[in-house]
Amino acid sequence: MRSPNTVPSLRRLRAFDAAAQTNSLSRAAQMLRLTQPALTHSIAQLEAELGTRLFSRGPEGAFLNEAGHIFQKRSIRFFAQIRSALSTIDGKRADEVLVEQQVSKLASAQMRSLLAIWHAGSFRAAARALRIAEPSLQRPARDLEQIVGTTLYRRSAAGLTVNETGAELARRLALAIGEIRSGAEEIGAASDARASLRIGVLALAPRLLLAKASSAVLTEDDTHRIEVIEAPYAQIARELNDGALDLVFGALRAPPPYTDLIEEPFFEDPYTIVCRRDHPLADQKKVTPTDLARFDWLHPTVGLPRRDVLDQLATDWGLPMKVQFETNCLTTITSLLASSDRLSILSKWHIELDDRLVSVNHPPIPHAPREVGLTFRRNWLPTPFQAQFLASLRHEARERAMPESATSRDAMPLTA
């Protein structure tokens, strides 16, 4: 259910939710104004989709079994996300009765249309992605506007697309759908719903910790899957906020750029000046700014924190910082460092895994404390597999570098 166009059946989820609340198929049918056979059929379809029964049925009623209780937790969070999104869609707190009416009218096709437009960037591109005619997309998209009572779309150079309100509603709906995906994973439903974790990683993140934590949890169950995506911070922070990633590992920004994101620091990983192992400065006991000024430097791309620190060093230490080579590619920087007398700035932990490079014995680099840790969504509830990974990663961090006095600002729970 990672696909942006995969939307669960609201009809089936409503039937499940009502039956779980009432412990009675007949009362649930009355609540939803359905016939009992129609409600029973919806629940049976959901159970078939998940690959397991959710209720134990008997003369006394229909009661949630173990899988049902697991899935109900996610179903409750699914509808709570939707209610929360609709209650503040125009920036003001809406009446609860109105919100419930809106939720009851919402259809899967309307959610699917908004999400497809949000992901594809326009009505035309969304229709192509869904393989339907554009008028077939227009109808549910416009129906959704009528339900929420506000404009969700605007015209752009690419055609009709979501406006700011529509984009935020789509983001919240995507997070809600993520709850159902997690519920399916938690009850072990179907082979394509195996436990998964998507991690965004920054260039200088301590990969050894990530590798050890991943190996520890994957060794226990080889059906689980971890996907690691390396990208610039702005991109992975946005994808985390949108629900496309589960967490981000690397240098913290303190505070993160979105209000829904929180950070958990592990340890400090300061910047250091780096050279190749047989560089003229490698064995020098005390390196001065004058010594550093004799060599060319490799510059990180403008906008990266390392570039800001290096530019400030040029001013503070009087270094002749002529920019001859500039890149955001870490592999390129380390390769050039290893094959030349150039210098650059990397994190202390990063060079520990590269035998070709060493840190220069330079004066302390003046920069704000650089903490490495996790970033995740404020209301994220990890699955047991994800919680297991978090525990493993925290253990590796504590074993390697975390001072005993350090504490987490907003540590996630270890169990779902």
Protein backbone atom coordinates (compact mmCIF):
# COMPACT_ATOMS: atom_id res chain seq x y z
CA MET A 1 0.00 0.00 0.00
CA ARG A 2 3.00 2.32 -0.52
CA SER A 3 1.62 3.27 -3.92
CA PRO A 4 0.26 6.85 -3.86
CA ASN A 5 -2.87 5.68 -5.68
CA THR A 6 -3.74 2.80 -3.31
CA VAL A 7 -6.70 3.86 -1.19
CA PRO A 8 -8.55 1.49 1.17
CA SER A 9 -12.29 0.98 0.85
CA LEU A 10 -14.02 3.40 3.18
CA ARG A 11 -17.21 1.34 2.93
CA ARG A 12 -15.41 -1.74 4.28
CA LEU A 13 -13.62 0.22 7.00
CA ARG A 14 -16.86 1.83 8.17
CA ALA A 15 -18.51 -1.60 8.35
CA PHE A 16 -15.59 -2.97 10.36
CA ASP A 17 -15.54 0.05 12.67
CA ALA A 18 -19.27 -0.14 13.40
CA ALA A 19 -19.18 -3.88 14.08
CA ALA A 20 -16.16 -3.48 16.34
CA GLN A 21 -17.94 -0.77 18.34
CA THR A 22 -21.24 -2.63 18.76
CA ASN A 23 -20.12 -6.30 18.85
CA SER A 24 -23.21 -6.91 16.75
CA LEU A 25 -23.62 -7.15 12.99
CA SER A 26 -27.30 -6.24 13.18
CA ARG A 27 -26.71 -3.13 15.32
CA ALA A 28 -23.77 -2.14 13.12
CA ALA A 29 -26.00 -2.42 10.04
CA GLN A 30 -28.62 -0.22 11.70
CA MET A 31 -25.94 2.32 12.64
CA LEU A 32 -24.80 2.61 9.02
CA ARG A 33 -28.32 2.27 7.57
CA LEU A 34 -27.36 -0.85 5.66
CA THR A 35 -28.91 -4.27 5.37
CA GLN A 36 -27.14 -6.88 7.48
CA PRO A 37 -26.12 -8.92 4.40
CA ALA A 38 -24.55 -5.80 2.85
CA LEU A 39 -22.58 -5.06 6.01
CA THR A 40 -21.52 -8.70 6.38
CA HIS A 41 -20.36 -8.72 2.76
CA SER A 42 -18.24 -5.58 3.32
CA ILE A 43 -16.55 -7.11 6.35
CA ALA A 44 -15.96 -10.36 4.46
CA GLN A 45 -14.32 -8.39 1.64
CA LEU A 46 -12.03 -6.62 4.12
CA GLU A 47 -11.09 -9.92 5.75
CA ALA A 48 -10.34 -11.42 2.33
CA GLU A 49 -8.20 -8.42 1.45
CA LEU A 50 -6.25 -8.73 4.70
CA GLY A 51 -6.02 -12.51 4.47
CA THR A 52 -7.40 -13.17 7.95
CA ARG A 53 -10.59 -13.12 9.98
CA LEU A 54 -11.14 -10.12 12.22
CA PHE A 55 -14.16 -11.31 14.22
CA SER A 56 -15.17 -14.37 16.18
CA ARG A 57 -18.87 -14.83 15.42
CA GLY A 58 -21.33 -16.64 17.66
CA PRO A 59 -24.84 -16.52 19.14
CA GLU A 60 -23.81 -13.70 21.51
CA GLY A 61 -22.55 -11.46 18.72
CA ALA A 62 -19.43 -10.65 16.69
CA PHE A 63 -16.34 -9.97 18.77
CA LEU A 64 -12.90 -8.87 17.65
CA ASN A 65 -10.26 -11.58 17.65
CA GLU A 66 -6.53 -10.87 18.09
CA ALA A 67 -6.08 -9.69 14.52
CA GLY A 68 -9.23 -7.60 14.82
CA HIS A 69 -7.95 -5.78 17.89
CA ILE A 70 -4.67 -5.03 16.12
CA PHE A 71 -6.47 -3.70 13.05
CA GLN A 72 -9.00 -1.70 15.08
CA LYS A 73 -6.18 0.34 16.62
CA ARG A 74 -5.12 1.41 13.13
CA SER A 75 -8.69 1.91 11.92
CA ILE A 76 -9.35 4.29 14.82
CA ARG A 77 -6.20 6.25 13.96
CA PHE A 78 -7.22 6.29 10.29
CA PHE A 79 -10.54 7.97 10.96
CA ALA A 80 -9.00 10.25 13.61
CA GLN A 81 -6.51 11.52 11.04
CA ILE A 82 -9.31 12.26 8.60
CA ARG A 83 -11.43 14.02 11.24
CA SER A 84 -8.46 16.11 12.32
CA ALA A 85 -7.71 17.10 8.73
CA LEU A 86 -11.30 18.11 8.00
CA SER A 87 -11.75 19.94 11.30
CA THR A 88 -9.02 22.47 10.46
CA ILE A 89 -9.18 22.53 6.68
CA ASP A 90 -9.83 26.29 6.48
CA GLY A 91 -7.56 27.19 9.38
CA LYS A 92 -10.44 27.33 11.84
CA ARG A 93 -11.79 24.64 14.15
CA ALA A 94 -14.93 23.21 12.53
CA ASP A 95 -18.03 22.02 14.35
CA GLU A 96 -17.77 18.34 15.34
CA VAL A 97 -21.22 17.53 13.95
CA LEU A 98 -20.26 19.03 10.58
CA VAL A 99 -17.01 17.08 10.54
CA GLU A 100 -18.82 13.80 11.23
CA GLN A 101 -21.20 14.56 8.36
CA GLN A 102 -18.24 15.21 6.07
CA VAL A 103 -16.51 11.99 7.12
CA SER A 104 -19.68 9.98 6.51
CA LYS A 105 -19.96 11.39 2.96
CA LEU A 106 -16.31 10.86 2.05
CA ALA A 107 -15.70 8.16 -0.56
CA SER A 108 -12.57 6.27 -1.58
CA ALA A 109 -12.80 7.61 -5.14
CA GLN A 110 -12.66 11.18 -3.84
CA MET A 111 -9.61 10.46 -1.72
CA ARG A 112 -7.96 8.65 -4.64
CA SER A 113 -8.54 11.56 -7.00
CA LEU A 114 -7.09 14.17 -4.63
CA LEU A 115 -4.04 12.04 -3.83
CA ALA A 116 -3.40 11.31 -7.51
CA ILE A 117 -3.57 15.02 -8.42
CA TRP A 118 -1.29 15.88 -5.49
CA HIS A 119 1.31 13.31 -6.50
CA ALA A 120 1.11 13.80 -10.28
CA GLY A 121 0.97 17.61 -10.22
CA SER A 122 -2.08 18.12 -12.44
CA PHE A 123 -5.49 16.69 -13.33
CA ARG A 124 -4.21 15.52 -16.71
CA ALA A 125 -1.17 13.72 -15.30
CA ALA A 126 -3.27 12.20 -12.50
CA ALA A 127 -5.79 10.81 -14.99
CA ARG A 128 -2.96 9.20 -16.93
CA ALA A 129 -1.51 7.70 -13.73
CA LEU A 130 -4.91 6.23 -12.80
CA ARG A 131 -5.54 5.18 -16.42
CA ILE A 132 -8.92 6.85 -16.55
CA ALA A 133 -10.43 9.65 -18.62
CA GLU A 134 -9.98 13.13 -17.19
CA PRO A 135 -13.76 13.70 -16.77
CA SER A 136 -13.86 10.53 -14.64
CA LEU A 137 -11.29 12.17 -12.36
CA GLN A 138 -12.99 15.56 -12.36
CA ARG A 139 -16.24 14.26 -10.87
CA PRO A 140 -14.93 12.82 -7.57
CA ALA A 141 -12.39 15.65 -7.28
CA ARG A 142 -15.14 18.27 -7.49
CA ASP A 143 -17.45 16.24 -5.26
CA LEU A 144 -14.75 16.37 -2.58
CA GLU A 145 -14.72 20.18 -2.80
CA GLN A 146 -18.47 20.17 -2.22
CA ILE A 147 -18.12 17.94 0.84
CA VAL A 148 -15.40 19.99 2.53
CA GLY A 149 -16.92 23.31 1.51
CA THR A 150 -13.77 24.97 0.23
CA THR A 151 -11.66 25.23 -2.93
CA LEU A 152 -8.96 22.58 -3.24
CA TYR A 153 -7.57 23.31 -6.71
CA ARG A 154 -5.96 26.11 -8.70
CA ARG A 155 -4.78 26.74 -12.23
CA SER A 156 -1.05 26.63 -12.96
CA ALA A 157 1.26 26.46 -15.96
CA ALA A 158 1.00 22.66 -15.79
CA GLY A 159 -2.80 22.81 -15.73
CA LEU A 160 -5.28 22.39 -12.90
CA THR A 161 -3.56 21.23 -9.70
CA VAL A 162 -4.04 21.31 -5.92
CA ASN A 163 -3.81 24.58 -4.05
CA GLU A 164 -2.24 24.92 -0.60
CA THR A 165 -5.40 23.71 1.15
CA GLY A 166 -5.73 20.76 -1.20
CA ALA A 167 -2.08 19.80 -0.75
CA GLU A 168 -2.36 19.80 3.04
CA LEU A 169 -5.57 17.76 2.95
CA ALA A 170 -3.90 15.27 0.59
CA ARG A 171 -0.93 15.00 2.93
CA ARG A 172 -3.15 14.26 5.91
CA LEU A 173 -5.13 11.68 3.93
CA ALA A 174 -1.87 10.01 2.90
CA LEU A 175 -0.87 9.75 6.57
CA ALA A 176 -4.28 8.25 7.37
CA ILE A 177 -3.85 5.62 4.66
CA GLY A 178 -0.46 4.80 6.15
CA GLU A 179 -2.27 3.64 9.30
CA ILE A 180 -4.20 1.02 7.33
CA ARG A 181 -1.02 -0.14 5.63
CA SER A 182 0.63 -0.50 9.04
CA GLY A 183 -2.35 -2.42 10.33
CA ALA A 184 -2.12 -4.86 7.44
CA GLU A 185 1.58 -5.35 8.13
CA GLU A 186 1.00 -5.88 11.84
CA ILE A 187 -1.42 -8.74 11.32
CA GLY A 188 0.86 -10.28 8.68
CA ALA A 189 -1.64 -9.90 5.90
CA ALA A 190 -0.68 -11.11 2.42
CA SER A 191 2.84 -11.47 1.07
CA ASP A 192 2.99 -7.92 -0.25
CA ALA A 193 2.08 -6.52 3.18
CA ARG A 194 5.17 -7.86 4.93
CA ALA A 195 6.71 -5.62 7.57
CA SER A 196 8.61 -2.73 6.02
CA LEU A 197 10.54 0.39 6.94
CA ARG A 198 11.58 3.30 4.72
CA ILE A 199 14.45 5.39 6.05
CA GLY A 200 15.76 8.65 4.67
CA VAL A 201 19.50 9.01 5.21
CA LEU A 202 21.68 12.11 4.97
CA ALA A 203 25.07 12.01 3.29
CA LEU A 204 27.18 12.11 6.47
CA ALA A 205 24.99 9.81 8.58
CA PRO A 206 27.01 7.15 10.50
CA ARG A 207 26.21 4.23 8.20
CA LEU A 208 27.89 1.63 10.39
CA LEU A 209 25.21 2.13 13.06
CA LEU A 210 22.49 1.87 10.44
CA ALA A 211 24.02 -1.29 8.98
CA LYS A 212 24.35 -3.00 12.37
CA ALA A 213 20.80 -2.14 13.44
CA SER A 214 19.40 -3.31 10.09
CA SER A 215 21.32 -6.57 10.16
CA ALA A 216 20.18 -7.29 13.71
CA VAL A 217 16.46 -7.05 12.89
CA LEU A 218 16.57 -8.59 9.41
CA THR A 219 18.49 -11.61 10.65
CA GLU A 220 15.57 -12.48 12.92
CA ASP A 221 13.05 -12.50 10.05
CA ASP A 222 14.15 -12.46 6.41
CA THR A 223 10.63 -11.67 5.18
CA HIS A 224 10.88 -8.10 6.46
CA ARG A 225 12.20 -5.30 4.29
CA ILE A 226 14.15 -2.08 4.91
CA GLU A 227 14.52 0.53 2.19
CA VAL A 228 17.13 3.27 2.60
CA ILE A 229 16.91 6.44 0.51
CA GLU A 230 19.80 8.93 0.48
CA ALA A 231 18.86 12.44 -0.60
CA PRO A 232 19.32 16.10 0.36
CA TYR A 233 17.75 17.12 3.66
CA ALA A 234 15.03 19.29 2.13
CA GLN A 235 13.78 16.40 0.03
CA ILE A 236 13.74 13.71 2.70
CA ALA A 237 12.26 16.05 5.32
CA ARG A 238 9.40 16.80 2.93
CA GLU A 239 8.89 13.11 2.15
CA LEU A 240 8.89 12.30 5.86
CA ASN A 241 6.30 14.99 6.52
CA ASP A 242 4.18 13.65 3.64
CA GLY A 243 4.32 10.07 4.93
CA ALA A 244 6.48 8.67 2.11
CA LEU A 245 9.25 7.92 4.65
CA ASP A 246 8.96 6.49 8.15
CA LEU A 247 11.97 8.24 9.67
CA VAL A 248 15.17 10.13 8.84
CA PHE A 249 18.63 9.32 10.20
CA GLY A 250 21.45 11.84 10.18
CA ALA A 251 22.35 15.34 11.31
CA LEU A 252 19.51 17.17 13.07
CA ARG A 253 18.40 20.67 12.16
CA ALA A 254 16.97 21.69 15.56
CA PRO A 255 14.26 22.59 14.91
CA PRO A 256 13.04 20.59 11.88
CA PRO A 257 11.33 22.55 9.09
CA TYR A 258 7.80 21.18 9.67
CA THR A 259 5.72 21.42 12.84
CA ASP A 260 4.66 17.77 12.58
CA LEU A 261 8.28 16.59 12.82
CA ILE A 262 10.28 16.04 16.01
CA GLU A 263 13.90 15.06 16.60
CA GLU A 264 15.68 12.63 18.89
CA PRO A 265 19.44 13.34 19.33
CA PHE A 266 21.91 10.48 19.72
CA PHE A 267 25.33 12.13 19.97
CA GLU A 268 27.48 14.98 18.68
CA ASP A 269 29.41 14.42 15.47
CA PRO A 270 31.54 17.54 14.95
CA TYR A 271 33.14 18.67 11.70
CA THR A 272 36.82 18.07 11.12
CA ILE A 273 39.32 19.02 8.43
CA VAL A 274 40.25 15.96 6.41
CA CYS A 275 43.15 14.92 4.16
CA ARG A 276 44.59 11.72 2.67
CA ARG A 277 46.58 9.45 4.97
CA ASP A 278 50.00 10.36 3.46
CA HIS A 279 49.23 14.07 3.11
CA PRO A 280 52.03 16.51 4.22
CA LEU A 281 49.79 17.65 7.12
CA ALA A 282 48.67 14.17 8.19
CA ASP A 283 51.38 13.61 10.79
CA GLN A 284 51.99 17.23 11.75
CA LYS A 285 51.37 17.57 15.48
CA LYS A 286 50.04 21.11 15.37
CA VAL A 287 48.47 22.50 12.22
CA THR A 288 47.87 26.25 12.03
CA PRO A 289 45.61 28.29 9.75
CA THR A 290 48.77 29.35 7.91
CA ASP A 291 49.52 25.68 7.18
CA LEU A 292 45.98 25.11 5.96
CA ALA A 293 46.18 28.11 3.63
CA ARG A 294 48.94 26.41 1.58
CA PHE A 295 46.52 23.85 0.09
CA ASP A 296 43.54 23.86 -2.21
CA TRP A 297 40.14 22.94 -0.81
CA LEU A 298 37.19 20.88 -2.03
CA HIS A 299 34.00 22.84 -1.44
CA PRO A 300 30.59 21.40 -0.61
CA THR A 301 27.73 22.87 -2.62
CA VAL A 302 26.34 26.23 -1.49
CA GLY A 303 23.47 25.70 0.96
CA LEU A 304 24.95 22.67 2.71
CA PRO A 305 25.83 23.21 6.39
CA ARG A 306 29.44 22.15 5.71
CA ARG A 307 29.75 24.89 3.10
CA ASP A 308 28.54 27.52 5.55
CA VAL A 309 31.14 26.37 8.08
CA LEU A 310 33.93 26.36 5.48
CA ASP A 311 33.02 29.83 4.22
CA GLN A 312 33.09 31.10 7.80
CA LEU A 313 36.52 29.52 8.32
CA ALA A 314 37.84 31.41 5.32
CA THR A 315 36.80 34.65 7.01
CA ASP A 316 37.84 33.78 10.58
CA TRP A 317 41.18 32.14 9.74
CA GLY A 318 42.11 34.24 6.72
CA LEU A 319 42.18 31.30 4.32
CA PRO A 320 42.43 32.02 0.58
CA MET A 321 39.32 30.09 -0.36
CA LYS A 322 39.32 30.14 -4.14
CA VAL A 323 36.50 27.81 -5.25
CA GLN A 324 37.87 25.51 -7.95
CA PHE A 325 35.87 22.36 -7.29
CA GLU A 326 32.39 22.29 -5.83
CA THR A 327 30.10 19.27 -5.37
CA ASN A 328 27.39 17.78 -3.16
CA CYS A 329 28.57 14.26 -4.05
CA LEU A 330 30.30 12.78 -1.01
CA THR A 331 31.89 9.94 -2.98
CA THR A 332 33.50 12.44 -5.32
CA ILE A 333 34.89 14.48 -2.43
CA THR A 334 36.38 11.46 -0.65
CA SER A 335 37.89 10.14 -3.89
CA LEU A 336 39.52 13.49 -4.68
CA LEU A 337 40.79 13.82 -1.13
CA ALA A 338 42.36 10.36 -1.31
CA SER A 339 44.11 11.11 -4.61
CA SER A 340 45.38 14.66 -4.07
CA ASP A 341 46.74 17.14 -1.52
CA ARG A 342 43.40 18.93 -1.28
CA LEU A 343 41.58 19.45 2.01
CA SER A 344 37.90 19.52 2.91
CA ILE A 345 35.47 19.34 5.82
CA LEU A 346 33.67 16.13 6.77
CA SER A 347 32.17 14.76 9.96
CA LYS A 348 34.41 13.01 12.48
CA TRP A 349 32.50 9.73 12.34
CA HIS A 350 32.45 9.58 8.57
CA ILE A 351 36.21 9.30 8.15
CA GLU A 352 36.43 6.45 10.66
CA LEU A 353 35.11 4.10 7.97
CA ASP A 354 37.49 5.31 5.25
CA ASP A 355 41.06 4.08 5.74
CA ARG A 356 42.29 6.45 3.07
CA LEU A 357 41.48 9.58 5.08
CA VAL A 358 42.58 11.10 8.39
CA SER A 359 41.68 14.15 10.42
CA VAL A 360 44.19 17.02 10.55
CA ASN A 361 45.38 18.18 14.00
CA HIS A 362 43.82 21.60 13.51
CA PRO A 363 42.48 24.18 15.96
CA PRO A 364 38.83 23.62 16.98
CA ILE A 365 36.42 24.55 14.20
CA PRO A 366 33.92 27.15 15.47
CA HIS A 367 30.43 25.91 14.59
CA ALA A 368 27.15 25.20 16.30
CA PRO A 369 26.90 21.76 17.95
CA ARG A 370 26.19 19.17 15.27
CA GLU A 371 23.97 16.39 16.62
CA VAL A 372 23.14 13.15 14.85
CA GLY A 373 19.90 11.34 15.54
CA LEU A 374 16.42 10.53 14.31
CA THR A 375 13.65 12.68 12.87
CA PHE A 376 10.10 11.34 12.69
CA ARG A 377 6.49 12.51 12.66
CA ARG A 378 5.08 13.65 15.98
CA ASN A 379 2.08 11.29 15.92
CA TRP A 380 3.83 8.31 14.29
CA LEU A 381 3.01 4.93 15.81
CA PRO A 382 5.67 2.42 14.70
CA THR A 383 4.75 -1.16 13.91
CA PRO A 384 6.40 -3.85 16.06
CA PHE A 385 9.05 -4.36 13.37
CA GLN A 386 9.74 -0.63 13.15
CA ALA A 387 9.87 -0.40 16.95
CA GLN A 388 12.32 -3.29 16.97
CA PHE A 389 14.55 -1.45 14.53
CA LEU A 390 14.38 1.74 16.61
CA ALA A 391 15.43 -0.18 19.72
CA SER A 392 18.33 -1.76 17.82
CA LEU A 393 19.53 1.56 16.41
CA ARG A 394 19.31 3.27 19.80
CA HIS A 395 21.26 0.40 21.33
CA GLU A 396 24.03 0.73 18.72
CA ALA A 397 24.18 4.49 19.27
CA ARG A 398 24.46 4.10 23.04
CA GLU A 399 27.11 1.40 22.72
CA ARG A 400 29.25 3.49 20.42
CA ALA A 401 28.96 7.12 21.27
CA MET A 402 26.12 8.41 23.45
CA PRO A 403 27.27 9.96 26.76
CA GLU A 404 25.46 8.48 29.72
CA SER A 405 24.16 11.88 30.69
CA ALA A 406 22.49 12.47 27.30
CA THR A 407 18.72 12.11 27.09
CA SER A 408 16.31 12.10 24.18
CA ARG A 409 14.17 15.17 23.61
CA ASP A 410 11.20 13.25 22.22
CA ALA A 411 12.03 9.53 22.22
CA MET A 412 9.53 7.34 20.40
CA PRO A 413 7.86 4.42 22.16
CA LEU A 414 9.56 1.09 21.60
CA THR A 415 6.35 -0.74 20.86
CA ALA A 416 3.31 0.01 18.79
